[in-house]
Amino acid sequence: MKYEIEKLFEEGDDLLKESKSKFYLQKEEHCGASCSCCCALKKYLDAYEMFLFEFIKPSENYHVLLHTITQKDPEFNDFNEKIFKVKCFADESKKEGEGFFIYPDEVNDVLKIVVEIRNYIGKKVGLSSEFLQESRKISEILAL
């Protein structure tokens, strides 16, 4: 199971790097960046759900997913509002399409939220601090 969790983290890290690149280098790609950021978050949430409930099929519904996770980790409830902020930007971006944008301070907030949740989950599932720092050069993402 550890391999699958690490793989989900690596996929999430790739999506997060892609998101940051789109936000800062391809400013017309805020729609794609928001969606990539949300997909990265989903990878980390899937990894946590897999860790907590080894034999449950991952949920696609965020409400159900967060409810399931908080059954085993009530402290994770503190992230709900932040998670829905990231999800809201992604949902709005899909609705708006190419004209969608978010302000620079919001970009920083969204990326920091996803990294904060990533690191929390990483520690909870027992990933080493070396893995969490070296996976896909996360330091590049953290250099906001």
N, C-alpha and C. Protein backbone atom coordinates (compact mmCIF):
# COMPACT_ATOMS: atom_id res chain seq x y z
N MET A 1 0.82 -1.19 0.00
CA MET A 1 0.00 0.00 0.00
C MET A 1 0.87 1.26 0.00
N LYS A 2 2.02 1.22 0.65
CA LYS A 2 2.87 2.41 0.71
C LYS A 2 3.27 2.86 -0.70
N TYR A 3 3.53 1.91 -1.58
CA TYR A 3 3.89 2.26 -2.96
C TYR A 3 2.76 3.04 -3.63
N GLU A 4 1.52 2.57 -3.45
CA GLU A 4 0.36 3.25 -4.07
C GLU A 4 0.19 4.66 -3.52
N ILE A 5 0.41 4.81 -2.22
CA ILE A 5 0.30 6.13 -1.60
C ILE A 5 1.38 7.06 -2.14
N GLU A 6 2.61 6.57 -2.21
CA GLU A 6 3.69 7.39 -2.76
C GLU A 6 3.41 7.76 -4.22
N LYS A 7 2.86 6.83 -4.96
CA LYS A 7 2.53 7.11 -6.37
C LYS A 7 1.47 8.21 -6.47
N LEU A 8 0.46 8.16 -5.62
CA LEU A 8 -0.56 9.21 -5.61
C LEU A 8 0.07 10.56 -5.24
N PHE A 9 0.98 10.55 -4.29
CA PHE A 9 1.66 11.80 -3.91
C PHE A 9 2.50 12.34 -5.07
N GLU A 10 3.20 11.47 -5.75
CA GLU A 10 4.00 11.93 -6.89
C GLU A 10 3.13 12.50 -8.00
N GLU A 11 1.99 11.84 -8.26
CA GLU A 11 1.06 12.35 -9.26
C GLU A 11 0.50 13.71 -8.82
N GLY A 12 0.16 13.82 -7.55
CA GLY A 12 -0.33 15.08 -7.02
C GLY A 12 0.71 16.18 -7.13
N ASP A 13 1.96 15.83 -6.82
CA ASP A 13 3.04 16.82 -6.91
C ASP A 13 3.24 17.29 -8.34
N ASP A 14 3.14 16.36 -9.29
CA ASP A 14 3.25 16.75 -10.71
C ASP A 14 2.14 17.72 -11.09
N LEU A 15 0.93 17.43 -10.65
CA LEU A 15 -0.20 18.31 -10.95
C LEU A 15 -0.04 19.67 -10.28
N LEU A 16 0.50 19.67 -9.08
CA LEU A 16 0.71 20.92 -8.35
C LEU A 16 1.76 21.80 -9.04
N LYS A 17 2.83 21.16 -9.49
CA LYS A 17 3.85 21.91 -10.24
C LYS A 17 3.27 22.46 -11.54
N GLU A 18 2.47 21.66 -12.22
CA GLU A 18 1.82 22.10 -13.45
C GLU A 18 0.91 23.29 -13.16
N SER A 19 0.20 23.22 -12.07
CA SER A 19 -0.71 24.29 -11.69
C SER A 19 0.05 25.59 -11.44
N LYS A 20 1.13 25.50 -10.68
CA LYS A 20 1.92 26.70 -10.40
C LYS A 20 2.47 27.30 -11.69
N SER A 21 2.94 26.45 -12.56
CA SER A 21 3.48 26.92 -13.84
C SER A 21 2.41 27.65 -14.64
N LYS A 22 1.22 27.08 -14.69
CA LYS A 22 0.13 27.71 -15.45
C LYS A 22 -0.28 29.03 -14.81
N PHE A 23 -0.33 29.07 -13.48
CA PHE A 23 -0.71 30.31 -12.81
C PHE A 23 0.28 31.44 -13.10
N TYR A 24 1.57 31.12 -13.03
CA TYR A 24 2.58 32.18 -13.10
C TYR A 24 3.20 32.39 -14.48
N LEU A 25 3.29 31.35 -15.27
CA LEU A 25 3.96 31.49 -16.57
C LEU A 25 2.99 31.61 -17.73
N GLN A 26 1.83 31.06 -17.56
CA GLN A 26 0.82 31.09 -18.63
C GLN A 26 -0.45 31.70 -18.05
N LYS A 27 -0.40 32.99 -17.84
CA LYS A 27 -1.46 33.67 -17.11
C LYS A 27 -2.86 33.47 -17.71
N GLU A 28 -2.92 33.16 -19.00
CA GLU A 28 -4.22 32.92 -19.62
C GLU A 28 -4.76 31.53 -19.28
N GLU A 29 -4.01 30.76 -18.53
CA GLU A 29 -4.37 29.38 -18.20
C GLU A 29 -4.87 29.22 -16.77
N HIS A 30 -5.45 30.26 -16.18
CA HIS A 30 -5.93 30.14 -14.80
C HIS A 30 -7.00 29.07 -14.65
N CYS A 31 -7.79 28.87 -15.67
CA CYS A 31 -8.81 27.82 -15.64
C CYS A 31 -8.13 26.45 -15.48
N GLY A 32 -7.19 26.16 -16.34
CA GLY A 32 -6.46 24.89 -16.26
C GLY A 32 -5.67 24.76 -14.98
N ALA A 33 -5.10 25.88 -14.52
CA ALA A 33 -4.31 25.87 -13.29
C ALA A 33 -5.17 25.53 -12.09
N SER A 34 -6.34 26.13 -12.03
CA SER A 34 -7.25 25.86 -10.90
C SER A 34 -7.67 24.41 -10.88
N CYS A 35 -7.96 23.88 -12.06
CA CYS A 35 -8.36 22.47 -12.14
C CYS A 35 -7.21 21.53 -11.77
N SER A 36 -5.99 21.85 -12.22
CA SER A 36 -4.82 21.03 -11.87
C SER A 36 -4.57 21.05 -10.37
N CYS A 37 -4.75 22.21 -9.77
CA CYS A 37 -4.56 22.36 -8.32
C CYS A 37 -5.58 21.49 -7.57
N CYS A 38 -6.80 21.52 -8.01
CA CYS A 38 -7.85 20.73 -7.39
C CYS A 38 -7.59 19.22 -7.59
N CYS A 39 -7.12 18.86 -8.76
CA CYS A 39 -6.79 17.44 -9.03
C CYS A 39 -5.64 16.98 -8.15
N ALA A 40 -4.66 17.85 -7.91
CA ALA A 40 -3.55 17.51 -7.01
C ALA A 40 -4.09 17.25 -5.61
N LEU A 41 -4.94 18.15 -5.14
CA LEU A 41 -5.55 17.98 -3.83
C LEU A 41 -6.29 16.66 -3.75
N LYS A 42 -7.01 16.31 -4.78
CA LYS A 42 -7.77 15.05 -4.81
C LYS A 42 -6.84 13.84 -4.71
N LYS A 43 -5.69 13.90 -5.34
CA LYS A 43 -4.72 12.80 -5.25
C LYS A 43 -4.29 12.59 -3.80
N TYR A 44 -4.00 13.70 -3.10
CA TYR A 44 -3.58 13.60 -1.70
C TYR A 44 -4.72 13.06 -0.83
N LEU A 45 -5.94 13.54 -1.09
CA LEU A 45 -7.10 13.04 -0.34
C LEU A 45 -7.33 11.55 -0.61
N ASP A 46 -7.18 11.13 -1.85
CA ASP A 46 -7.32 9.71 -2.18
C ASP A 46 -6.28 8.87 -1.45
N ALA A 47 -5.06 9.39 -1.36
CA ALA A 47 -3.99 8.68 -0.65
C ALA A 47 -4.35 8.52 0.82
N TYR A 48 -4.90 9.58 1.41
CA TYR A 48 -5.27 9.52 2.82
C TYR A 48 -6.43 8.56 3.04
N GLU A 49 -7.41 8.62 2.17
CA GLU A 49 -8.54 7.70 2.28
C GLU A 49 -8.05 6.25 2.15
N MET A 50 -7.15 6.01 1.22
CA MET A 50 -6.60 4.66 1.03
C MET A 50 -5.88 4.20 2.30
N PHE A 51 -5.15 5.09 2.92
CA PHE A 51 -4.42 4.77 4.14
C PHE A 51 -5.38 4.46 5.29
N LEU A 52 -6.41 5.28 5.44
CA LEU A 52 -7.34 5.12 6.55
C LEU A 52 -8.30 3.95 6.36
N PHE A 53 -8.71 3.72 5.12
CA PHE A 53 -9.70 2.69 4.80
C PHE A 53 -9.18 1.88 3.62
N GLU A 54 -8.33 0.94 3.91
CA GLU A 54 -7.61 0.21 2.87
C GLU A 54 -8.50 -0.43 1.81
N PHE A 55 -9.68 -0.87 2.18
CA PHE A 55 -10.49 -1.64 1.24
C PHE A 55 -11.69 -0.88 0.69
N ILE A 56 -11.72 0.43 0.88
CA ILE A 56 -12.82 1.25 0.35
C ILE A 56 -12.41 1.80 -1.01
N LYS A 57 -13.36 1.77 -1.94
CA LYS A 57 -13.13 2.38 -3.25
C LYS A 57 -13.14 3.90 -3.06
N PRO A 58 -12.15 4.62 -3.62
CA PRO A 58 -12.10 6.08 -3.43
C PRO A 58 -13.38 6.76 -3.90
N SER A 59 -13.82 7.73 -3.12
CA SER A 59 -15.03 8.47 -3.45
C SER A 59 -14.71 9.64 -4.36
N GLU A 60 -15.59 9.90 -5.30
CA GLU A 60 -15.44 11.06 -6.19
C GLU A 60 -16.18 12.27 -5.62
N ASN A 61 -16.99 12.07 -4.63
CA ASN A 61 -17.78 13.12 -4.01
C ASN A 61 -16.99 13.71 -2.84
N TYR A 62 -16.65 14.98 -2.93
CA TYR A 62 -15.84 15.61 -1.88
C TYR A 62 -16.52 15.57 -0.52
N HIS A 63 -17.82 15.80 -0.49
CA HIS A 63 -18.54 15.78 0.78
C HIS A 63 -18.41 14.41 1.44
N VAL A 64 -18.64 13.36 0.68
CA VAL A 64 -18.54 11.99 1.21
C VAL A 64 -17.09 11.69 1.59
N LEU A 65 -16.16 12.08 0.75
CA LEU A 65 -14.74 11.84 1.00
C LEU A 65 -14.30 12.49 2.32
N LEU A 66 -14.63 13.75 2.51
CA LEU A 66 -14.23 14.44 3.74
C LEU A 66 -14.93 13.85 4.96
N HIS A 67 -16.18 13.49 4.82
CA HIS A 67 -16.90 12.87 5.92
C HIS A 67 -16.23 11.54 6.30
N THR A 68 -15.87 10.76 5.31
CA THR A 68 -15.22 9.47 5.55
C THR A 68 -13.89 9.66 6.26
N ILE A 69 -13.09 10.61 5.80
CA ILE A 69 -11.78 10.86 6.40
C ILE A 69 -11.92 11.33 7.85
N THR A 70 -12.86 12.26 8.09
CA THR A 70 -12.99 12.80 9.45
C THR A 70 -13.55 11.78 10.44
N GLN A 71 -14.10 10.69 9.96
CA GLN A 71 -14.52 9.61 10.87
C GLN A 71 -13.31 9.06 11.61
N LYS A 72 -12.19 8.95 10.92
CA LYS A 72 -10.97 8.40 11.54
C LYS A 72 -10.03 9.49 12.04
N ASP A 73 -10.13 10.69 11.47
CA ASP A 73 -9.25 11.80 11.86
C ASP A 73 -10.09 13.07 12.03
N PRO A 74 -10.72 13.22 13.21
CA PRO A 74 -11.58 14.38 13.44
C PRO A 74 -10.86 15.73 13.25
N GLU A 75 -9.56 15.77 13.50
CA GLU A 75 -8.79 17.01 13.32
C GLU A 75 -8.79 17.46 11.86
N PHE A 76 -8.96 16.53 10.94
CA PHE A 76 -8.94 16.88 9.52
C PHE A 76 -10.11 17.80 9.16
N ASN A 77 -11.13 17.80 9.98
CA ASN A 77 -12.27 18.69 9.77
C ASN A 77 -11.84 20.16 9.67
N ASP A 78 -10.71 20.50 10.30
CA ASP A 78 -10.19 21.87 10.25
C ASP A 78 -9.83 22.30 8.83
N PHE A 79 -9.63 21.34 7.93
CA PHE A 79 -9.25 21.65 6.55
C PHE A 79 -10.45 21.81 5.61
N ASN A 80 -11.65 21.47 6.07
CA ASN A 80 -12.81 21.46 5.18
C ASN A 80 -13.01 22.78 4.44
N GLU A 81 -12.98 23.88 5.16
CA GLU A 81 -13.20 25.18 4.53
C GLU A 81 -12.13 25.48 3.48
N LYS A 82 -10.89 25.14 3.80
CA LYS A 82 -9.79 25.37 2.86
C LYS A 82 -9.95 24.49 1.62
N ILE A 83 -10.34 23.26 1.83
CA ILE A 83 -10.53 22.33 0.70
C ILE A 83 -11.63 22.85 -0.22
N PHE A 84 -12.71 23.32 0.35
CA PHE A 84 -13.79 23.82 -0.48
C PHE A 84 -13.44 25.13 -1.17
N LYS A 85 -12.51 25.88 -0.61
CA LYS A 85 -12.02 27.09 -1.30
C LYS A 85 -11.31 26.68 -2.59
N VAL A 86 -10.44 25.70 -2.51
CA VAL A 86 -9.73 25.20 -3.70
C VAL A 86 -10.73 24.63 -4.69
N LYS A 87 -11.65 23.83 -4.20
CA LYS A 87 -12.67 23.22 -5.06
C LYS A 87 -13.55 24.27 -5.72
N CYS A 88 -13.89 25.32 -4.98
CA CYS A 88 -14.72 26.39 -5.51
C CYS A 88 -14.04 27.09 -6.69
N PHE A 89 -12.74 27.39 -6.55
CA PHE A 89 -12.01 28.01 -7.66
C PHE A 89 -12.03 27.11 -8.89
N ALA A 90 -11.83 25.82 -8.68
CA ALA A 90 -11.83 24.88 -9.82
C ALA A 90 -13.21 24.82 -10.47
N ASP A 91 -14.25 24.76 -9.65
CA ASP A 91 -15.60 24.70 -10.20
C ASP A 91 -15.95 25.99 -10.95
N GLU A 92 -15.60 27.13 -10.38
CA GLU A 92 -15.86 28.41 -11.05
C GLU A 92 -15.08 28.51 -12.35
N SER A 93 -13.87 28.00 -12.34
CA SER A 93 -13.04 28.09 -13.55
C SER A 93 -13.65 27.28 -14.69
N LYS A 94 -14.23 26.14 -14.36
CA LYS A 94 -14.88 25.32 -15.40
C LYS A 94 -16.09 26.06 -15.98
N LYS A 95 -16.80 26.76 -15.10
CA LYS A 95 -17.99 27.49 -15.54
C LYS A 95 -17.60 28.70 -16.41
N GLU A 96 -16.56 29.42 -16.00
CA GLU A 96 -16.14 30.63 -16.71
C GLU A 96 -15.31 30.34 -17.95
N GLY A 97 -14.54 29.26 -17.91
CA GLY A 97 -13.69 28.90 -19.05
C GLY A 97 -12.48 29.82 -19.17
N GLU A 98 -12.17 30.20 -20.40
CA GLU A 98 -10.95 30.95 -20.68
C GLU A 98 -10.88 32.31 -20.00
N GLY A 99 -12.02 32.90 -19.69
CA GLY A 99 -12.02 34.22 -19.08
C GLY A 99 -11.77 34.20 -17.58
N PHE A 100 -11.63 33.02 -17.01
CA PHE A 100 -11.47 32.90 -15.57
C PHE A 100 -10.07 33.34 -15.13
N PHE A 101 -10.02 34.07 -14.03
CA PHE A 101 -8.73 34.41 -13.43
C PHE A 101 -8.93 34.56 -11.93
N ILE A 102 -7.85 34.41 -11.20
CA ILE A 102 -7.87 34.72 -9.78
C ILE A 102 -6.70 35.65 -9.50
N TYR A 103 -6.84 36.44 -8.47
CA TYR A 103 -5.84 37.44 -8.13
C TYR A 103 -4.58 36.78 -7.57
N PRO A 104 -3.43 37.47 -7.72
CA PRO A 104 -2.16 36.88 -7.27
C PRO A 104 -2.17 36.41 -5.81
N ASP A 105 -2.78 37.17 -4.91
CA ASP A 105 -2.82 36.73 -3.52
C ASP A 105 -3.66 35.47 -3.36
N GLU A 106 -4.70 35.33 -4.19
CA GLU A 106 -5.51 34.12 -4.15
C GLU A 106 -4.74 32.92 -4.70
N VAL A 107 -3.93 33.16 -5.73
CA VAL A 107 -3.09 32.08 -6.27
C VAL A 107 -2.17 31.55 -5.18
N ASN A 108 -1.50 32.46 -4.48
CA ASN A 108 -0.60 32.05 -3.39
C ASN A 108 -1.36 31.28 -2.32
N ASP A 109 -2.54 31.78 -1.95
CA ASP A 109 -3.34 31.11 -0.92
C ASP A 109 -3.72 29.70 -1.33
N VAL A 110 -4.18 29.55 -2.56
CA VAL A 110 -4.61 28.23 -3.03
C VAL A 110 -3.44 27.25 -3.05
N LEU A 111 -2.31 27.67 -3.57
CA LEU A 111 -1.15 26.79 -3.61
C LEU A 111 -0.67 26.43 -2.20
N LYS A 112 -0.66 27.41 -1.31
CA LYS A 112 -0.24 27.14 0.07
C LYS A 112 -1.20 26.20 0.79
N ILE A 113 -2.49 26.35 0.52
CA ILE A 113 -3.48 25.45 1.11
C ILE A 113 -3.21 24.01 0.69
N VAL A 114 -3.01 23.81 -0.60
CA VAL A 114 -2.80 22.45 -1.10
C VAL A 114 -1.50 21.86 -0.53
N VAL A 115 -0.45 22.66 -0.44
CA VAL A 115 0.81 22.17 0.12
C VAL A 115 0.64 21.86 1.61
N GLU A 116 -0.09 22.71 2.33
CA GLU A 116 -0.33 22.47 3.76
C GLU A 116 -1.06 21.15 3.98
N ILE A 117 -2.10 20.92 3.19
CA ILE A 117 -2.87 19.68 3.31
C ILE A 117 -2.02 18.49 2.89
N ARG A 118 -1.24 18.66 1.84
CA ARG A 118 -0.33 17.61 1.35
C ARG A 118 0.61 17.18 2.47
N ASN A 119 1.23 18.15 3.13
CA ASN A 119 2.21 17.85 4.17
C ASN A 119 1.56 17.21 5.40
N TYR A 120 0.37 17.67 5.75
CA TYR A 120 -0.36 17.08 6.87
C TYR A 120 -0.64 15.60 6.59
N ILE A 121 -1.20 15.35 5.41
CA ILE A 121 -1.53 13.97 5.04
C ILE A 121 -0.26 13.13 4.95
N GLY A 122 0.78 13.69 4.35
CA GLY A 122 2.05 12.96 4.22
C GLY A 122 2.58 12.48 5.55
N LYS A 123 2.50 13.34 6.55
CA LYS A 123 2.97 12.96 7.90
C LYS A 123 2.06 11.91 8.51
N LYS A 124 0.75 12.07 8.31
CA LYS A 124 -0.20 11.13 8.88
C LYS A 124 -0.06 9.72 8.28
N VAL A 125 0.28 9.65 6.98
CA VAL A 125 0.41 8.33 6.35
C VAL A 125 1.81 7.75 6.52
N GLY A 126 2.69 8.50 7.17
CA GLY A 126 4.02 7.98 7.50
C GLY A 126 5.06 8.14 6.41
N LEU A 127 4.86 9.09 5.49
CA LEU A 127 5.90 9.33 4.49
C LEU A 127 7.04 10.08 5.15
N SER A 128 8.25 9.74 4.78
CA SER A 128 9.41 10.36 5.40
C SER A 128 9.50 11.84 5.00
N SER A 129 10.13 12.62 5.85
CA SER A 129 10.30 14.05 5.53
C SER A 129 11.16 14.21 4.27
N GLU A 130 12.08 13.27 4.04
CA GLU A 130 12.90 13.30 2.82
C GLU A 130 12.02 13.13 1.59
N PHE A 131 11.12 12.16 1.65
CA PHE A 131 10.21 11.95 0.52
C PHE A 131 9.35 13.19 0.29
N LEU A 132 8.83 13.75 1.37
CA LEU A 132 7.96 14.91 1.24
C LEU A 132 8.69 16.11 0.66
N GLN A 133 9.97 16.24 0.92
CA GLN A 133 10.74 17.36 0.37
C GLN A 133 11.26 17.08 -1.03
N GLU A 134 11.64 15.84 -1.29
CA GLU A 134 12.28 15.51 -2.57
C GLU A 134 11.29 15.12 -3.67
N SER A 135 10.12 14.66 -3.29
CA SER A 135 9.16 14.22 -4.29
C SER A 135 8.87 15.33 -5.27
N ARG A 136 9.29 15.11 -6.50
CA ARG A 136 9.02 16.04 -7.60
C ARG A 136 9.50 17.45 -7.29
N LYS A 137 10.55 17.55 -6.46
CA LYS A 137 11.14 18.84 -6.12
C LYS A 137 10.08 19.80 -5.57
N ILE A 138 9.43 19.36 -4.53
CA ILE A 138 8.36 20.15 -3.93
C ILE A 138 8.85 21.52 -3.49
N SER A 139 10.14 21.64 -3.25
CA SER A 139 10.68 22.94 -2.85
C SER A 139 10.44 24.00 -3.91
N GLU A 140 10.38 23.57 -5.19
CA GLU A 140 10.08 24.53 -6.26
C GLU A 140 8.65 25.06 -6.13
N ILE A 141 7.77 24.22 -5.67
CA ILE A 141 6.37 24.64 -5.48
C ILE A 141 6.28 25.55 -4.27
N LEU A 142 7.04 25.20 -3.23
CA LEU A 142 6.98 25.98 -2.00
C LEU A 142 7.58 27.37 -2.16
N ALA A 143 8.44 27.56 -3.14
CA ALA A 143 9.06 28.87 -3.37
C ALA A 143 8.06 29.78 -4.07
N LEU A 144 7.11 30.26 -3.31
CA LEU A 144 6.05 31.11 -3.88
C LEU A 144 6.48 32.55 -3.90
